[in-house]
Amino acid sequence: MAEQASSDWIECDGSGCPVSDLARVQVQFRADRDRKTAERNSGPEGNTAHVYSDSWTYPATSESPVDIVACRVVA
C-alpha cells in the first residue's frame, strides 16, 4: 500500500512506525526544537521510513534525543 503525501504531521508515541517502511517521510526527533526545524533537518524530500528503524520504537519513559515524536509523509 502506497502512502499519500500530506501536510499533516502524525504524532508518534514509540509504539512503532505508523506508515509503510517505504514511505518517504520527514521526521521530528525529540531533540528538534519545533516542526520547522524538523522540516529543515529532514530535507524537502525526506527519507524512506526504514532509514529511521531504530528511532520509531521506545519506552514511554524515554527521553532520548533521537526518538521520533512526529512524522509527515512527503512521497
Protein backbone atom coordinates (compact mmCIF):
# COMPACT_ATOMS: atom_id res chain seq x y z
CA MET A 1 0.00 0.00 0.00
CA ALA A 2 1.45 3.36 -1.03
CA GLU A 3 1.32 6.26 1.36
CA GLN A 4 -0.11 9.56 0.23
CA ALA A 5 1.81 12.79 0.81
CA SER A 6 0.21 15.01 3.43
CA SER A 7 0.78 18.35 5.07
CA ASP A 8 -0.42 16.83 8.35
CA TRP A 9 2.05 15.61 10.94
CA ILE A 10 1.40 12.26 12.64
CA GLU A 11 2.17 12.14 16.36
CA CYS A 12 4.40 9.18 17.25
CA ASP A 13 4.41 7.55 20.68
CA GLY A 14 7.19 4.99 20.43
CA SER A 15 4.92 2.09 19.54
CA GLY A 16 6.44 1.70 16.06
CA CYS A 17 6.39 3.26 12.63
CA PRO A 18 2.86 4.42 11.71
CA VAL A 19 3.48 4.32 7.94
CA SER A 20 4.91 1.93 5.36
CA ASP A 21 8.67 1.34 5.63
CA LEU A 22 8.96 2.57 2.04
CA ALA A 23 7.08 5.85 2.57
CA ARG A 24 9.24 8.96 2.27
CA VAL A 25 8.88 10.94 5.48
CA GLN A 26 10.12 13.98 7.29
CA VAL A 27 10.62 13.24 10.96
CA GLN A 28 10.67 15.29 14.12
CA PHE A 29 13.11 13.95 16.68
CA ARG A 30 12.70 14.75 20.37
CA ALA A 31 15.82 16.95 20.03
CA ASP A 32 14.23 19.14 17.31
CA ARG A 33 13.01 22.45 18.72
CA ASP A 34 9.92 22.53 16.52
CA ARG A 35 8.48 21.20 13.27
CA LYS A 36 10.14 23.89 11.15
CA THR A 37 13.49 22.64 12.44
CA ALA A 38 12.42 19.06 11.69
CA GLU A 39 11.43 20.01 8.13
CA ARG A 40 14.77 21.71 7.56
CA ASN A 41 16.76 18.80 9.04
CA SER A 42 14.81 16.16 7.09
CA GLY A 43 15.04 17.99 3.79
CA PRO A 44 12.12 18.60 1.41
CA GLU A 45 12.15 15.03 0.07
CA GLY A 46 12.67 13.32 3.44
CA ASN A 47 13.94 9.73 3.63
CA THR A 48 12.31 6.34 3.50
CA ALA A 49 10.87 5.45 6.89
CA HIS A 50 13.02 2.33 7.24
CA VAL A 51 16.14 4.57 7.45
CA TYR A 52 14.97 5.55 10.95
CA SER A 53 14.23 1.99 12.12
CA ASP A 54 15.98 2.40 15.48
CA SER A 55 14.09 5.59 16.37
CA TRP A 56 10.44 4.52 15.94
CA THR A 57 10.19 2.25 18.98
CA TYR A 58 11.00 3.39 22.50
CA PRO A 59 9.53 3.13 26.02
CA ALA A 60 7.10 5.81 27.24
CA THR A 61 9.67 6.99 29.78
CA SER A 62 12.38 7.54 27.17
CA GLU A 63 13.94 10.97 26.83
CA SER A 64 16.40 10.08 24.07
CA PRO A 65 17.02 12.95 21.63
CA VAL A 66 16.74 10.53 18.68
CA ASP A 67 13.21 9.31 19.49
CA ILE A 68 10.82 10.18 16.65
CA VAL A 69 7.92 12.15 18.13
CA ALA A 70 6.19 13.06 14.84
CA CYS A 71 6.41 12.36 11.12
CA ARG A 72 4.90 13.56 7.88
CA VAL A 73 4.62 11.63 4.61
CA VAL A 74 6.12 13.64 1.75
CA ALA A 75 6.02 10.99 -1.01
